[in-house]
Amino acid sequence: MKLAYISPSALPSRTANSVHVVMQCDALKQQTDELVLYAKRTLPEIEKLQSVMDSTYGQKLREVRLVTFWSRFNHGDNLRIALLSIWDLLKNEWPDVIISRNLYASFVIAVILRRPILFETHQLEHGFRKRFQRSIMLKPWVITVVISDMLKQFLREHHGIDASRSIVLHDAAPSMVEPIPVGKRRTSLVEIVPQTKGSWDGVCGYFGHLYSGRGVEIIEDMASVRPGVLFLLFGGNEADVEYRRESNKKSNVIYVGYVTHPVAQKVM
């Protein structure tokens, strides 16, 4: 079976959607004869892509055909991924299954070309993108995939319709992830974040973006009433990390910054 995955992602990158796409492809490649992944790449040298993907995500997509483009500009990335994927699909043998998280590619394939797809969506679209999303979901040859029952409900209310066919597939951890034994967690954490070495009552970790609205302020408030607990915040871009470090005056709050996915697994 030949499967195509049309992503919304730039690879490799710090975004959660890129981790999700890579983990999905790692699982899918074990179930297919041929897997093609369409994405933007964040480095100009295509020959370096596989090795950098390995170190960033801890996954070897050696058996996946990567169809990518590079640009220093970010504007219109999803549209360019869509154009790249449609062009490649039309000039080659059409795959047996297409999974698409790319709205524009999904619209062309499902609505214009009237071909079946698995349309995975993680958000409520607005403006003309809302019309695209609704049109895709209404097609009887489209299966809409969402990651939670609440998102399925919100989509129903947002569009005033039920998807023609939809399924809920919750996010899950990769099968090869094994928790670090309790007795070794402190040693492993100290190796990566030396500041954790001390007589802390406990250590709390946060992984994600640091911009306003993510709840970082709540964590800082928690740290104020728990001075004996160390709070580690992993993630964020350079500007957000620098801003948080400068504005934070609490000794029990550390903005570690970005770490690769394999490193993040070691400190959980």
Protein backbone atom coordinates (compact mmCIF):
# COMPACT_ATOMS: atom_id res chain seq x y z
CA MET A 1 0.00 0.00 0.00
CA LYS A 2 1.20 3.48 -0.88
CA LEU A 3 0.36 6.26 1.56
CA ALA A 4 0.89 10.02 1.23
CA TYR A 5 1.00 12.42 4.18
CA ILE A 6 0.55 16.13 3.45
CA SER A 7 1.67 18.10 6.46
CA PRO A 8 1.30 21.70 7.61
CA SER A 9 4.79 21.60 9.08
CA ALA A 10 8.26 22.96 8.62
CA LEU A 11 10.81 20.24 9.38
CA PRO A 12 12.75 20.20 11.54
CA SER A 13 11.31 22.86 13.83
CA ARG A 14 10.25 23.49 17.41
CA THR A 15 6.52 23.30 16.73
CA ALA A 16 4.39 20.64 18.38
CA ASN A 17 2.72 19.87 15.04
CA SER A 18 6.08 18.90 13.55
CA VAL A 19 6.68 16.40 16.38
CA HIS A 20 3.19 14.99 15.84
CA VAL A 21 3.73 14.60 12.09
CA VAL A 22 7.10 12.89 12.50
CA MET A 23 5.77 10.49 15.14
CA GLN A 24 2.77 9.63 12.97
CA CYS A 25 5.00 8.94 9.98
CA ASP A 26 7.30 6.75 12.07
CA ALA A 27 4.27 4.61 12.99
CA LEU A 28 2.73 4.66 9.51
CA LYS A 29 5.89 3.56 7.74
CA GLN A 30 5.64 0.24 9.60
CA GLN A 31 2.19 -0.37 8.09
CA THR A 32 2.81 0.63 4.46
CA ASP A 33 4.94 -0.41 1.53
CA GLU A 34 5.63 3.19 0.53
CA LEU A 35 5.19 6.43 2.48
CA VAL A 36 5.62 9.93 1.08
CA LEU A 37 5.76 13.01 3.33
CA TYR A 38 5.24 16.52 1.98
CA ALA A 39 6.59 19.41 4.06
CA LYS A 40 8.72 22.52 4.10
CA ARG A 41 12.30 22.03 5.22
CA THR A 42 14.06 24.60 7.39
CA LEU A 43 17.56 24.11 6.01
CA PRO A 44 18.70 24.72 2.43
CA GLU A 45 20.92 21.63 2.17
CA ILE A 46 18.54 18.76 1.42
CA GLU A 47 21.31 16.19 1.94
CA LYS A 48 21.49 17.20 5.64
CA LEU A 49 17.76 16.85 6.26
CA GLN A 50 17.67 13.22 7.37
CA SER A 51 20.51 13.50 9.89
CA VAL A 52 19.10 16.70 11.43
CA MET A 53 15.65 15.09 11.64
CA ASP A 54 17.22 12.16 13.51
CA SER A 55 18.86 14.39 16.12
CA THR A 56 15.83 16.69 16.53
CA TYR A 57 13.10 14.07 16.86
CA GLY A 58 14.97 10.88 17.70
CA GLN A 59 13.29 9.17 14.74
CA LYS A 60 14.89 7.76 11.61
CA LEU A 61 12.58 8.33 8.65
CA ARG A 62 14.99 6.61 6.30
CA GLU A 63 12.21 4.62 4.63
CA VAL A 64 10.06 7.69 4.01
CA ARG A 65 10.29 9.62 0.74
CA LEU A 66 10.59 13.27 1.78
CA VAL A 67 9.28 15.75 -0.78
CA THR A 68 10.20 19.20 0.50
CA PHE A 69 11.08 22.75 -0.46
CA TRP A 70 13.19 25.38 1.29
CA SER A 71 12.62 29.09 1.60
CA ARG A 72 13.91 31.71 4.02
CA PHE A 73 10.47 33.30 3.95
CA ASN A 74 7.60 31.91 6.04
CA HIS A 75 4.69 33.63 4.33
CA GLY A 76 2.37 31.21 2.53
CA ASP A 77 4.12 28.03 3.64
CA ASN A 78 0.93 25.96 3.81
CA LEU A 79 -0.09 27.02 0.32
CA ARG A 80 3.35 26.18 -1.07
CA ILE A 81 3.32 22.76 0.61
CA ALA A 82 -0.11 22.19 -0.96
CA LEU A 83 1.10 23.16 -4.45
CA LEU A 84 4.18 20.95 -4.08
CA SER A 85 2.12 17.95 -2.98
CA ILE A 86 -0.56 18.30 -5.70
CA TRP A 87 2.10 18.63 -8.40
CA ASP A 88 3.95 15.54 -7.14
CA LEU A 89 0.76 13.48 -6.71
CA LEU A 90 -0.47 14.24 -10.22
CA LYS A 91 2.81 13.37 -11.94
CA ASN A 92 3.21 10.05 -10.08
CA GLU A 93 1.02 7.04 -9.39
CA TRP A 94 -1.85 8.16 -7.15
CA PRO A 95 -1.49 6.71 -3.63
CA ASP A 96 -3.94 4.29 -2.06
CA VAL A 97 -4.45 6.55 0.97
CA ILE A 98 -3.88 10.26 1.55
CA ILE A 99 -3.71 11.76 5.01
CA SER A 100 -3.75 15.54 4.96
CA ARG A 101 -3.36 18.12 7.71
CA ASN A 102 -2.89 20.79 5.05
CA LEU A 103 -6.14 22.72 4.49
CA TYR A 104 -5.37 23.91 0.97
CA ALA A 105 -4.23 20.52 -0.32
CA SER A 106 -7.27 18.90 1.32
CA PHE A 107 -9.61 21.34 -0.44
CA VAL A 108 -8.07 20.71 -3.86
CA ILE A 109 -8.07 16.93 -3.50
CA ALA A 110 -11.47 16.48 -1.82
CA VAL A 111 -13.53 19.31 -3.31
CA ILE A 112 -11.99 20.04 -6.71
CA LEU A 113 -10.55 16.66 -7.68
CA ARG A 114 -13.25 14.81 -5.68
CA ARG A 115 -10.84 12.19 -4.39
CA PRO A 116 -11.05 10.47 -0.99
CA ILE A 117 -8.79 11.60 1.83
CA LEU A 118 -8.35 11.36 5.57
CA PHE A 119 -8.63 15.00 6.61
CA GLU A 120 -7.03 15.63 9.98
CA THR A 121 -7.85 18.97 11.59
CA HIS A 122 -6.81 20.34 14.98
CA GLN A 123 -8.52 23.72 14.97
CA LEU A 124 -11.53 25.84 14.08
CA GLU A 125 -10.87 27.79 10.91
CA HIS A 126 -12.18 31.32 10.25
CA GLY A 127 -12.84 33.53 7.23
CA PHE A 128 -12.44 31.85 3.84
CA ARG A 129 -10.53 29.04 5.56
CA LYS A 130 -13.73 28.22 7.48
CA ARG A 131 -15.56 27.73 4.16
CA PHE A 132 -12.75 25.46 2.95
CA GLN A 133 -12.90 23.39 6.14
CA ARG A 134 -16.67 23.05 5.98
CA SER A 135 -16.64 22.05 2.30
CA ILE A 136 -14.06 19.35 2.94
CA MET A 137 -15.88 17.91 5.95
CA LEU A 138 -19.19 17.66 4.04
CA LYS A 139 -17.85 15.43 1.30
CA PRO A 140 -19.02 11.80 1.72
CA TRP A 141 -15.64 10.49 0.51
CA VAL A 142 -13.79 12.35 3.28
CA ILE A 143 -13.14 10.96 6.76
CA THR A 144 -12.48 13.81 9.21
CA VAL A 145 -10.00 12.95 11.96
CA VAL A 146 -9.91 14.98 15.20
CA ILE A 147 -7.90 14.50 18.37
CA SER A 148 -10.64 14.91 21.00
CA ASP A 149 -14.36 14.56 21.53
CA MET A 150 -14.56 18.22 22.50
CA LEU A 151 -12.97 19.34 19.23
CA LYS A 152 -15.49 17.22 17.35
CA GLN A 153 -18.28 18.97 19.26
CA PHE A 154 -16.78 22.43 18.67
CA LEU A 155 -16.47 21.75 14.94
CA ARG A 156 -20.12 20.71 14.82
CA GLU A 157 -21.17 23.94 16.55
CA HIS A 158 -18.72 26.10 14.57
CA HIS A 159 -20.05 24.95 11.19
CA GLY A 160 -23.62 24.08 12.17
CA ILE A 161 -23.18 20.64 10.61
CA ASP A 162 -22.02 17.14 11.36
CA ALA A 163 -19.05 15.95 9.36
CA SER A 164 -20.12 13.42 6.75
CA ARG A 165 -17.87 10.89 8.47
CA SER A 166 -15.61 11.59 11.43
CA ILE A 167 -13.51 9.72 13.96
CA VAL A 168 -11.72 10.73 17.13
CA LEU A 169 -8.11 9.56 17.47
CA HIS A 170 -6.55 10.90 20.64
CA ASP A 171 -2.90 11.92 20.73
CA ALA A 172 -0.72 9.21 22.23
CA ALA A 173 2.89 8.69 23.23
CA PRO A 174 5.08 6.60 20.89
CA SER A 175 5.27 2.96 21.91
CA MET A 176 9.06 3.00 22.34
CA VAL A 177 9.01 5.66 25.07
CA GLU A 178 9.92 4.18 28.44
CA PRO A 179 9.73 6.23 31.67
CA ILE A 180 12.99 6.72 33.51
CA PRO A 181 13.00 4.64 36.72
CA VAL A 182 12.16 6.73 39.78
CA GLY A 183 15.55 6.09 41.36
CA LYS A 184 17.41 7.47 38.34
CA ARG A 185 15.27 10.51 37.57
CA ARG A 186 17.16 13.01 39.73
CA THR A 187 20.55 11.93 38.34
CA SER A 188 19.30 12.16 34.76
CA LEU A 189 17.77 15.59 35.38
CA VAL A 190 20.90 16.99 37.07
CA GLU A 191 23.00 15.97 34.06
CA ILE A 192 20.81 18.08 31.78
CA VAL A 193 19.89 20.92 34.19
CA PRO A 194 22.66 21.26 36.83
CA GLN A 195 20.61 23.83 38.79
CA THR A 196 18.33 21.01 39.96
CA LYS A 197 21.08 19.70 42.21
CA GLY A 198 20.05 20.80 45.67
CA SER A 199 17.68 20.17 48.54
CA TRP A 200 14.46 20.93 46.72
CA ASP A 201 11.23 19.52 48.12
CA GLY A 202 10.24 18.66 44.56
CA VAL A 203 10.71 19.57 40.91
CA CYS A 204 7.89 20.51 38.52
CA GLY A 205 8.34 20.65 34.76
CA TYR A 206 6.51 22.48 31.96
CA PHE A 207 7.06 21.82 28.26
CA GLY A 208 5.64 24.20 25.65
CA HIS A 209 5.54 27.74 24.35
CA LEU A 210 6.05 30.70 26.66
CA TYR A 211 3.94 33.40 25.03
CA SER A 212 1.07 35.04 26.89
CA GLY A 213 -1.97 32.82 27.23
CA ARG A 214 -0.08 29.58 27.75
CA GLY A 215 -0.38 29.79 31.53
CA VAL A 216 3.22 30.69 32.33
CA GLU A 217 2.09 33.45 34.68
CA ILE A 218 0.12 30.86 36.66
CA ILE A 219 3.27 28.76 37.05
CA GLU A 220 5.18 31.78 38.35
CA ASP A 221 2.36 32.42 40.86
CA MET A 222 2.57 28.77 41.95
CA ALA A 223 6.31 29.19 42.47
CA SER A 224 5.68 32.19 44.77
CA VAL A 225 3.67 30.07 47.21
CA ARG A 226 5.94 27.01 46.89
CA PRO A 227 9.47 28.39 47.42
CA GLY A 228 10.83 24.94 48.22
CA VAL A 229 9.78 23.55 44.83
CA LEU A 230 11.85 24.11 41.70
CA PHE A 231 9.90 24.92 38.54
CA LEU A 232 11.57 24.16 35.19
CA LEU A 233 10.09 25.55 31.98
CA PHE A 234 11.30 23.99 28.74
CA GLY A 235 10.55 25.46 25.31
CA GLY A 236 9.86 28.82 23.73
CA ASN A 237 11.68 30.78 21.07
CA GLU A 238 14.76 32.83 21.90
CA ALA A 239 12.88 36.11 22.31
CA ASP A 240 10.31 34.65 24.70
CA VAL A 241 12.96 32.85 26.75
CA GLU A 242 15.04 36.03 27.07
CA TYR A 243 12.01 38.09 28.07
CA ARG A 244 10.91 35.58 30.71
CA ARG A 245 14.40 35.26 32.16
CA GLU A 246 14.76 39.04 32.47
CA SER A 247 11.32 39.55 34.03
CA ASN A 248 11.49 36.57 36.41
CA LYS A 249 13.05 37.30 39.81
CA LYS A 250 12.25 33.98 41.49
CA SER A 251 15.18 31.72 42.33
CA ASN A 252 12.98 28.61 42.07
CA VAL A 253 11.90 29.29 38.47
CA ILE A 254 14.28 28.38 35.65
CA TYR A 255 13.58 29.03 31.99
CA VAL A 256 15.68 26.29 30.43
CA GLY A 257 14.82 27.10 26.82
CA TYR A 258 14.41 24.77 23.89
CA VAL A 259 15.62 21.17 24.04
CA THR A 260 15.30 18.50 21.38
CA HIS A 261 12.58 15.89 21.65
CA PRO A 262 14.96 13.09 22.76
CA VAL A 263 16.30 15.32 25.55
CA ALA A 264 12.77 16.26 26.62
CA GLN A 265 11.97 12.56 27.02
CA LYS A 266 14.96 12.13 29.34
CA VAL A 267 13.84 14.84 31.78
CA MET A 268 10.18 13.83 32.01
